[in-house]
Amino acid sequence: MITPSNRKEFERHINMLFEGLEQGRHHIPNNKRLINSLLDSRKSPNKRVNFLTINESVRLMANSRATFESSQFENLFNASK
């Protein structure tokens, strides 16, 4: 899994997750806790991700999505065929 090494990468992963959800490219399981975690996630007034509102479930989902969309994953997936 690709884990972010700085704030910029973390915010990119979070933004990719929310964009995918808004555009319908990514679906979430029917899990009340996860849905509440996503709804509780906020941005600060300067439009940056507020880390205090991102819990482990959202962070894990964002990092997983970034991994699945990476070229490294595609290369690994194609090599196993």
PDB file of N, CA and C in Angstrom:
ATOM      1  N   MET A   1       0.834  -1.176   0.000  1.00  0.00           N
ATOM      2  CA  MET A   1       0.000   0.000   0.000  1.00  0.00           C
ATOM      3  C   MET A   1       0.880   1.241   0.000  1.00  0.00           C
ATOM      4  N   ILE A   2       0.457   2.208  -0.755  1.00  0.00           N
ATOM      5  CA  ILE A   2       1.182   3.474  -0.813  1.00  0.00           C
ATOM      6  C   ILE A   2       0.751   4.324   0.382  1.00  0.00           C
ATOM      7  N   THR A   3       1.703   4.636   1.236  1.00  0.00           N
ATOM      8  CA  THR A   3       1.402   5.505   2.370  1.00  0.00           C
ATOM      9  C   THR A   3       2.032   6.870   2.105  1.00  0.00           C
ATOM     10  N   PRO A   4       1.312   7.922   2.437  1.00  0.00           N
ATOM     11  CA  PRO A   4       1.845   9.262   2.171  1.00  0.00           C
ATOM     12  C   PRO A   4       3.031   9.585   3.073  1.00  0.00           C
ATOM     13  N   SER A   5       3.993  10.290   2.511  1.00  0.00           N
ATOM     14  CA  SER A   5       5.176  10.660   3.289  1.00  0.00           C
ATOM     15  C   SER A   5       5.129  12.113   3.749  1.00  0.00           C
ATOM     16  N   ASN A   6       4.126  12.853   3.273  1.00  0.00           N
ATOM     17  CA  ASN A   6       3.988  14.244   3.705  1.00  0.00           C
ATOM     18  C   ASN A   6       2.522  14.666   3.606  1.00  0.00           C
ATOM     19  N   ARG A   7       2.240  15.849   4.074  1.00  0.00           N
ATOM     20  CA  ARG A   7       0.862  16.346   4.112  1.00  0.00           C
ATOM     21  C   ARG A   7       0.261  16.473   2.711  1.00  0.00           C
ATOM     22  N   LYS A   8       1.056  16.907   1.763  1.00  0.00           N
ATOM     23  CA  LYS A   8       0.569  17.095   0.395  1.00  0.00           C
ATOM     24  C   LYS A   8       0.056  15.777  -0.190  1.00  0.00           C
ATOM     25  N   GLU A   9       0.799  14.711  -0.009  1.00  0.00           N
ATOM     26  CA  GLU A   9       0.375  13.405  -0.513  1.00  0.00           C
ATOM     27  C   GLU A   9      -0.873  12.919   0.211  1.00  0.00           C
ATOM     28  N   PHE A  10      -0.931  13.121   1.529  1.00  0.00           N
ATOM     29  CA  PHE A  10      -2.095  12.710   2.296  1.00  0.00           C
ATOM     30  C   PHE A  10      -3.347  13.442   1.813  1.00  0.00           C
ATOM     31  N   GLU A  11      -3.237  14.742   1.628  1.00  0.00           N
ATOM     32  CA  GLU A  11      -4.378  15.516   1.147  1.00  0.00           C
ATOM     33  C   GLU A  11      -4.782  15.077  -0.262  1.00  0.00           C
ATOM     34  N   ARG A  12      -3.807  14.724  -1.068  1.00  0.00           N
ATOM     35  CA  ARG A  12      -4.111  14.234  -2.417  1.00  0.00           C
ATOM     36  C   ARG A  12      -4.916  12.940  -2.343  1.00  0.00           C
ATOM     37  N   HIS A  13      -4.520  12.016  -1.474  1.00  0.00           N
ATOM     38  CA  HIS A  13      -5.244  10.751  -1.319  1.00  0.00           C
ATOM     39  C   HIS A  13      -6.675  10.996  -0.836  1.00  0.00           C
ATOM     40  N   ILE A  14      -6.823  11.879   0.149  1.00  0.00           N
ATOM     41  CA  ILE A  14      -8.157  12.185   0.675  1.00  0.00           C
ATOM     42  C   ILE A  14      -9.019  12.829  -0.415  1.00  0.00           C
ATOM     43  N   ASN A  15      -8.454  13.772  -1.148  1.00  0.00           N
ATOM     44  CA  ASN A  15      -9.212  14.440  -2.202  1.00  0.00           C
ATOM     45  C   ASN A  15      -9.583  13.474  -3.329  1.00  0.00           C
ATOM     46  N   MET A  16      -8.686  12.547  -3.670  1.00  0.00           N
ATOM     47  CA  MET A  16      -8.994  11.530  -4.680  1.00  0.00           C
ATOM     48  C   MET A  16     -10.175  10.676  -4.231  1.00  0.00           C
ATOM     49  N   LEU A  17     -10.194  10.322  -2.958  1.00  0.00           N
ATOM     50  CA  LEU A  17     -11.279   9.509  -2.419  1.00  0.00           C
ATOM     51  C   LEU A  17     -12.611  10.243  -2.548  1.00  0.00           C
ATOM     52  N   PHE A  18     -12.665  11.493  -2.094  1.00  0.00           N
ATOM     53  CA  PHE A  18     -13.918  12.234  -2.126  1.00  0.00           C
ATOM     54  C   PHE A  18     -14.360  12.570  -3.549  1.00  0.00           C
ATOM     55  N   GLU A  19     -13.426  12.837  -4.442  1.00  0.00           N
ATOM     56  CA  GLU A  19     -13.788  13.078  -5.841  1.00  0.00           C
ATOM     57  C   GLU A  19     -14.386  11.823  -6.460  1.00  0.00           C
ATOM     58  N   GLY A  20     -13.789  10.679  -6.174  1.00  0.00           N
ATOM     59  CA  GLY A  20     -14.315   9.419  -6.694  1.00  0.00           C
ATOM     60  C   GLY A  20     -15.705   9.118  -6.171  1.00  0.00           C
ATOM     61  N   LEU A  21     -15.947   9.426  -4.906  1.00  0.00           N
ATOM     62  CA  LEU A  21     -17.276   9.214  -4.333  1.00  0.00           C
ATOM     63  C   LEU A  21     -18.301  10.157  -4.960  1.00  0.00           C
ATOM     64  N   GLU A  22     -17.927  11.418  -5.138  1.00  0.00           N
ATOM     65  CA  GLU A  22     -18.838  12.405  -5.725  1.00  0.00           C
ATOM     66  C   GLU A  22     -19.171  12.074  -7.173  1.00  0.00           C
ATOM     67  N   GLN A  23     -18.207  11.549  -7.907  1.00  0.00           N
ATOM     68  CA  GLN A  23     -18.404  11.245  -9.323  1.00  0.00           C
ATOM     69  C   GLN A  23     -18.974   9.849  -9.556  1.00  0.00           C
ATOM     70  N   GLY A  24     -19.138   9.073  -8.502  1.00  0.00           N
ATOM     71  CA  GLY A  24     -19.711   7.746  -8.629  1.00  0.00           C
ATOM     72  C   GLY A  24     -18.746   6.693  -9.135  1.00  0.00           C
ATOM     73  N   ARG A  25     -17.454   6.993  -9.152  1.00  0.00           N
ATOM     74  CA  ARG A  25     -16.455   6.022  -9.606  1.00  0.00           C
ATOM     75  C   ARG A  25     -16.050   5.067  -8.496  1.00  0.00           C
ATOM     76  N   HIS A  26     -16.390   5.412  -7.283  1.00  0.00           N
ATOM     77  CA  HIS A  26     -15.990   4.602  -6.139  1.00  0.00           C
ATOM     78  C   HIS A  26     -17.212   4.407  -5.246  1.00  0.00           C
ATOM     79  N   HIS A  27     -17.464   3.178  -4.873  1.00  0.00           N
ATOM     80  CA  HIS A  27     -18.616   2.882  -4.034  1.00  0.00           C
ATOM     81  C   HIS A  27     -18.129   2.387  -2.683  1.00  0.00           C
ATOM     82  N   ILE A  28     -18.867   2.715  -1.659  1.00  0.00           N
ATOM     83  CA  ILE A  28     -18.474   2.310  -0.311  1.00  0.00           C
ATOM     84  C   ILE A  28     -19.428   1.230   0.185  1.00  0.00           C
ATOM     85  N   PRO A  29     -18.941   0.358   1.041  1.00  0.00           N
ATOM     86  CA  PRO A  29     -19.819  -0.672   1.601  1.00  0.00           C
ATOM     87  C   PRO A  29     -20.873  -0.037   2.507  1.00  0.00           C
ATOM     88  N   ASN A  30     -21.963  -0.745   2.681  1.00  0.00           N
ATOM     89  CA  ASN A  30     -23.047  -0.258   3.526  1.00  0.00           C
ATOM     90  C   ASN A  30     -22.681  -0.488   4.994  1.00  0.00           C
ATOM     91  N   ASN A  31     -21.790   0.350   5.481  1.00  0.00           N
ATOM     92  CA  ASN A  31     -21.282   0.248   6.846  1.00  0.00           C
ATOM     93  C   ASN A  31     -21.534   1.589   7.528  1.00  0.00           C
ATOM     94  N   LYS A  32     -22.394   1.579   8.530  1.00  0.00           N
ATOM     95  CA  LYS A  32     -22.814   2.830   9.177  1.00  0.00           C
ATOM     96  C   LYS A  32     -21.624   3.597   9.756  1.00  0.00           C
ATOM     97  N   ARG A  33     -20.680   2.890  10.364  1.00  0.00           N
ATOM     98  CA  ARG A  33     -19.517   3.549  10.968  1.00  0.00           C
ATOM     99  C   ARG A  33     -18.662   4.249   9.914  1.00  0.00           C
ATOM    100  N   LEU A  34     -18.430   3.570   8.789  1.00  0.00           N
ATOM    101  CA  LEU A  34     -17.628   4.161   7.717  1.00  0.00           C
ATOM    102  C   LEU A  34     -18.334   5.361   7.100  1.00  0.00           C
ATOM    103  N   ILE A  35     -19.620   5.249   6.870  1.00  0.00           N
ATOM    104  CA  ILE A  35     -20.379   6.363   6.300  1.00  0.00           C
ATOM    105  C   ILE A  35     -20.332   7.567   7.232  1.00  0.00           C
ATOM    106  N   ASN A  36     -20.512   7.338   8.527  1.00  0.00           N
ATOM    107  CA  ASN A  36     -20.433   8.437   9.495  1.00  0.00           C
ATOM    108  C   ASN A  36     -19.041   9.059   9.519  1.00  0.00           C
ATOM    109  N   SER A  37     -18.015   8.233   9.388  1.00  0.00           N
ATOM    110  CA  SER A  37     -16.638   8.752   9.360  1.00  0.00           C
ATOM    111  C   SER A  37     -16.415   9.650   8.154  1.00  0.00           C
ATOM    112  N   LEU A  38     -16.940   9.246   7.011  1.00  0.00           N
ATOM    113  CA  LEU A  38     -16.804  10.065   5.805  1.00  0.00           C
ATOM    114  C   LEU A  38     -17.575  11.380   5.951  1.00  0.00           C
ATOM    115  N   LEU A  39     -18.766  11.304   6.529  1.00  0.00           N
ATOM    116  CA  LEU A  39     -19.567  12.515   6.711  1.00  0.00           C
ATOM    117  C   LEU A  39     -18.952  13.461   7.737  1.00  0.00           C
ATOM    118  N   ASP A  40     -18.227  12.922   8.704  1.00  0.00           N
ATOM    119  CA  ASP A  40     -17.591  13.749   9.736  1.00  0.00           C
ATOM    120  C   ASP A  40     -16.304  14.410   9.260  1.00  0.00           C
ATOM    121  N   SER A  41     -15.764  13.974   8.136  1.00  0.00           N
ATOM    122  CA  SER A  41     -14.517  14.545   7.611  1.00  0.00           C
ATOM    123  C   SER A  41     -14.778  15.966   7.134  1.00  0.00           C
ATOM    124  N   ARG A  42     -13.893  16.862   7.504  1.00  0.00           N
ATOM    125  CA  ARG A  42     -14.082  18.279   7.188  1.00  0.00           C
ATOM    126  C   ARG A  42     -12.817  18.891   6.594  1.00  0.00           C
ATOM    127  N   LYS A  43     -13.022  20.028   5.957  1.00  0.00           N
ATOM    128  CA  LYS A  43     -11.904  20.848   5.501  1.00  0.00           C
ATOM    129  C   LYS A  43     -11.853  22.086   6.366  1.00  0.00           C
ATOM    130  N   SER A  44     -10.669  22.599   6.557  1.00  0.00           N
ATOM    131  CA  SER A  44     -10.512  23.821   7.344  1.00  0.00           C
ATOM    132  C   SER A  44     -10.900  25.023   6.477  1.00  0.00           C
ATOM    133  N   PRO A  45     -11.016  26.206   7.062  1.00  0.00           N
ATOM    134  CA  PRO A  45     -11.421  27.388   6.287  1.00  0.00           C
ATOM    135  C   PRO A  45     -10.516  27.705   5.090  1.00  0.00           C
ATOM    136  N   ASN A  46      -9.254  27.285   5.148  1.00  0.00           N
ATOM    137  CA  ASN A  46      -8.362  27.546   4.021  1.00  0.00           C
ATOM    138  C   ASN A  46      -8.394  26.422   2.983  1.00  0.00           C
ATOM    139  N   LYS A  47      -9.452  25.591   3.030  1.00  0.00           N
ATOM    140  CA  LYS A  47      -9.718  24.513   2.054  1.00  0.00           C
ATOM    141  C   LYS A  47      -8.740  23.347   2.139  1.00  0.00           C
ATOM    142  N   ARG A  48      -8.031  23.233   3.259  1.00  0.00           N
ATOM    143  CA  ARG A  48      -7.138  22.091   3.447  1.00  0.00           C
ATOM    144  C   ARG A  48      -7.833  21.065   4.325  1.00  0.00           C
ATOM    145  N   VAL A  49      -7.407  19.832   4.206  1.00  0.00           N
ATOM    146  CA  VAL A  49      -8.014  18.754   4.988  1.00  0.00           C
ATOM    147  C   VAL A  49      -7.712  18.968   6.466  1.00  0.00           C
ATOM    148  N   ASN A  50      -8.738  18.873   7.282  1.00  0.00           N
ATOM    149  CA  ASN A  50      -8.571  18.987   8.725  1.00  0.00           C
ATOM    150  C   ASN A  50      -8.234  17.596   9.264  1.00  0.00           C
ATOM    151  N   PHE A  51      -6.984  17.382   9.642  1.00  0.00           N
ATOM    152  CA  PHE A  51      -6.533  16.066  10.090  1.00  0.00           C
ATOM    153  C   PHE A  51      -7.285  15.555  11.311  1.00  0.00           C
ATOM    154  N   LEU A  52      -7.764  16.453  12.129  1.00  0.00           N
ATOM    155  CA  LEU A  52      -8.462  16.047  13.346  1.00  0.00           C
ATOM    156  C   LEU A  52      -9.793  15.359  13.057  1.00  0.00           C
ATOM    157  N   THR A  53     -10.334  15.557  11.859  1.00  0.00           N
ATOM    158  CA  THR A  53     -11.618  14.951  11.519  1.00  0.00           C
ATOM    159  C   THR A  53     -11.476  13.682  10.684  1.00  0.00           C
ATOM    160  N   ILE A  54     -10.266  13.329  10.315  1.00  0.00           N
ATOM    161  CA  ILE A  54     -10.024  12.125   9.510  1.00  0.00           C
ATOM    162  C   ILE A  54      -9.660  10.985  10.445  1.00  0.00           C
ATOM    163  N   ASN A  55     -10.492   9.946  10.468  1.00  0.00           N
ATOM    164  CA  ASN A  55     -10.161   8.821  11.334  1.00  0.00           C
ATOM    165  C   ASN A  55      -9.469   7.712  10.531  1.00  0.00           C
ATOM    166  N   GLU A  56      -9.151   6.632  11.201  1.00  0.00           N
ATOM    167  CA  GLU A  56      -8.366   5.567  10.588  1.00  0.00           C
ATOM    168  C   GLU A  56      -9.083   4.922   9.407  1.00  0.00           C
ATOM    169  N   SER A  57     -10.393   4.781   9.475  1.00  0.00           N
ATOM    170  CA  SER A  57     -11.147   4.156   8.387  1.00  0.00           C
ATOM    171  C   SER A  57     -11.043   4.968   7.097  1.00  0.00           C
ATOM    172  N   VAL A  58     -11.207   6.272   7.212  1.00  0.00           N
ATOM    173  CA  VAL A  58     -11.123   7.142   6.036  1.00  0.00           C
ATOM    174  C   VAL A  58      -9.702   7.165   5.499  1.00  0.00           C
ATOM    175  N   ARG A  59      -8.734   7.235   6.395  1.00  0.00           N
ATOM    176  CA  ARG A  59      -7.325   7.252   5.974  1.00  0.00           C
ATOM    177  C   ARG A  59      -6.978   5.971   5.222  1.00  0.00           C
ATOM    178  N   LEU A  60      -7.406   4.824   5.747  1.00  0.00           N
ATOM    179  CA  LEU A  60      -7.116   3.548   5.113  1.00  0.00           C
ATOM    180  C   LEU A  60      -7.794   3.442   3.752  1.00  0.00           C
ATOM    181  N   MET A  61      -9.026   3.887   3.674  1.00  0.00           N
ATOM    182  CA  MET A  61      -9.750   3.838   2.410  1.00  0.00           C
ATOM    183  C   MET A  61      -9.096   4.743   1.362  1.00  0.00           C
ATOM    184  N   ALA A  62      -8.657   5.928   1.773  1.00  0.00           N
ATOM    185  CA  ALA A  62      -7.995   6.858   0.846  1.00  0.00           C
ATOM    186  C   ALA A  62      -6.663   6.287   0.359  1.00  0.00           C
ATOM    187  N   ASN A  63      -5.880   5.708   1.256  1.00  0.00           N
ATOM    188  CA  ASN A  63      -4.596   5.131   0.853  1.00  0.00           C
ATOM    189  C   ASN A  63      -4.792   3.909  -0.039  1.00  0.00           C
ATOM    190  N   SER A  64      -5.812   3.107   0.221  1.00  0.00           N
ATOM    191  CA  SER A  64      -6.100   1.946  -0.625  1.00  0.00           C
ATOM    192  C   SER A  64      -6.483   2.392  -2.024  1.00  0.00           C
ATOM    193  N   ARG A  65      -7.314   3.401  -2.095  1.00  0.00           N
ATOM    194  CA  ARG A  65      -7.728   3.913  -3.410  1.00  0.00           C
ATOM    195  C   ARG A  65      -6.528   4.452  -4.190  1.00  0.00           C
ATOM    196  N   ALA A  66      -5.650   5.163  -3.515  1.00  0.00           N
ATOM    197  CA  ALA A  66      -4.459   5.695  -4.184  1.00  0.00           C
ATOM    198  C   ALA A  66      -3.577   4.554  -4.684  1.00  0.00           C
ATOM    199  N   THR A  67      -3.492   3.485  -3.927  1.00  0.00           N
ATOM    200  CA  THR A  67      -2.699   2.327  -4.341  1.00  0.00           C
ATOM    201  C   THR A  67      -3.290   1.676  -5.576  1.00  0.00           C
ATOM    202  N   PHE A  68      -4.613   1.476  -5.574  1.00  0.00           N
ATOM    203  CA  PHE A  68      -5.264   0.815  -6.704  1.00  0.00           C
ATOM    204  C   PHE A  68      -5.206   1.642  -7.981  1.00  0.00           C
ATOM    205  N   GLU A  69      -5.097   2.946  -7.864  1.00  0.00           N
ATOM    206  CA  GLU A  69      -5.020   3.797  -9.042  1.00  0.00           C
ATOM    207  C   GLU A  69      -3.585   4.073  -9.487  1.00  0.00           C
ATOM    208  N   SER A  70      -2.619   3.564  -8.767  1.00  0.00           N
ATOM    209  CA  SER A  70      -1.219   3.828  -9.103  1.00  0.00           C
ATOM    210  C   SER A  70      -0.745   2.934 -10.246  1.00  0.00           C
ATOM    211  N   SER A  71       0.291   3.383 -10.918  1.00  0.00           N
ATOM    212  CA  SER A  71       0.861   2.596 -12.007  1.00  0.00           C
ATOM    213  C   SER A  71       1.571   1.351 -11.473  1.00  0.00           C
ATOM    214  N   GLN A  72       2.085   1.411 -10.240  1.00  0.00           N
ATOM    215  CA  GLN A  72       2.730   0.245  -9.639  1.00  0.00           C
ATOM    216  C   GLN A  72       1.742  -0.902  -9.496  1.00  0.00           C
ATOM    217  N   PHE A  73       0.521  -0.602  -9.088  1.00  0.00           N
ATOM    218  CA  PHE A  73      -0.499  -1.633  -8.938  1.00  0.00           C
ATOM    219  C   PHE A  73      -0.880  -2.208 -10.290  1.00  0.00           C
ATOM    220  N   GLU A  74      -1.027  -1.352 -11.293  1.00  0.00           N
ATOM    221  CA  GLU A  74      -1.368  -1.823 -12.634  1.00  0.00           C
ATOM    222  C   GLU A  74      -0.281  -2.752 -13.172  1.00  0.00           C
ATOM    223  N   ASN A  75       0.972  -2.404 -12.965  1.00  0.00           N
ATOM    224  CA  ASN A  75       2.089  -3.250 -13.419  1.00  0.00           C
ATOM    225  C   ASN A  75       2.060  -4.583 -12.699  1.00  0.00           C
ATOM    226  N   LEU A  76       1.802  -4.580 -11.403  1.00  0.00           N
ATOM    227  CA  LEU A  76       1.737  -5.815 -10.624  1.00  0.00           C
ATOM    228  C   LEU A  76       0.553  -6.662 -11.070  1.00  0.00           C
ATOM    229  N   PHE A  77      -0.577  -6.028 -11.310  1.00  0.00           N
ATOM    230  CA  PHE A  77      -1.785  -6.728 -11.749  1.00  0.00           C
ATOM    231  C   PHE A  77      -1.584  -7.346 -13.120  1.00  0.00           C
ATOM    232  N   ASN A  78      -0.985  -6.600 -14.044  1.00  0.00           N
ATOM    233  CA  ASN A  78      -0.753  -7.098 -15.387  1.00  0.00           C
ATOM    234  C   ASN A  78       0.297  -8.195 -15.414  1.00  0.00           C
ATOM    235  N   ALA A  79       1.267  -8.158 -14.540  1.00  0.00           N
ATOM    236  CA  ALA A  79       2.320  -9.184 -14.490  1.00  0.00           C
ATOM    237  C   ALA A  79       1.769 -10.514 -13.990  1.00  0.00           C
ATOM    238  N   SER A  80       0.717 -10.462 -13.170  1.00  0.00           N
ATOM    239  CA  SER A  80       0.165 -11.710 -12.624  1.00  0.00           C
ATOM    240  C   SER A  80      -0.750 -12.428 -13.599  1.00  0.00           C
ATOM    241  N   LYS A  81      -1.089 -11.786 -14.718  1.00  0.00           N
ATOM    242  CA  LYS A  81      -1.969 -12.421 -15.724  1.00  0.00           C
ATOM    243  C   LYS A  81      -1.211 -13.369 -16.591  1.00  0.00           C
TER     244      LYS A  81
END
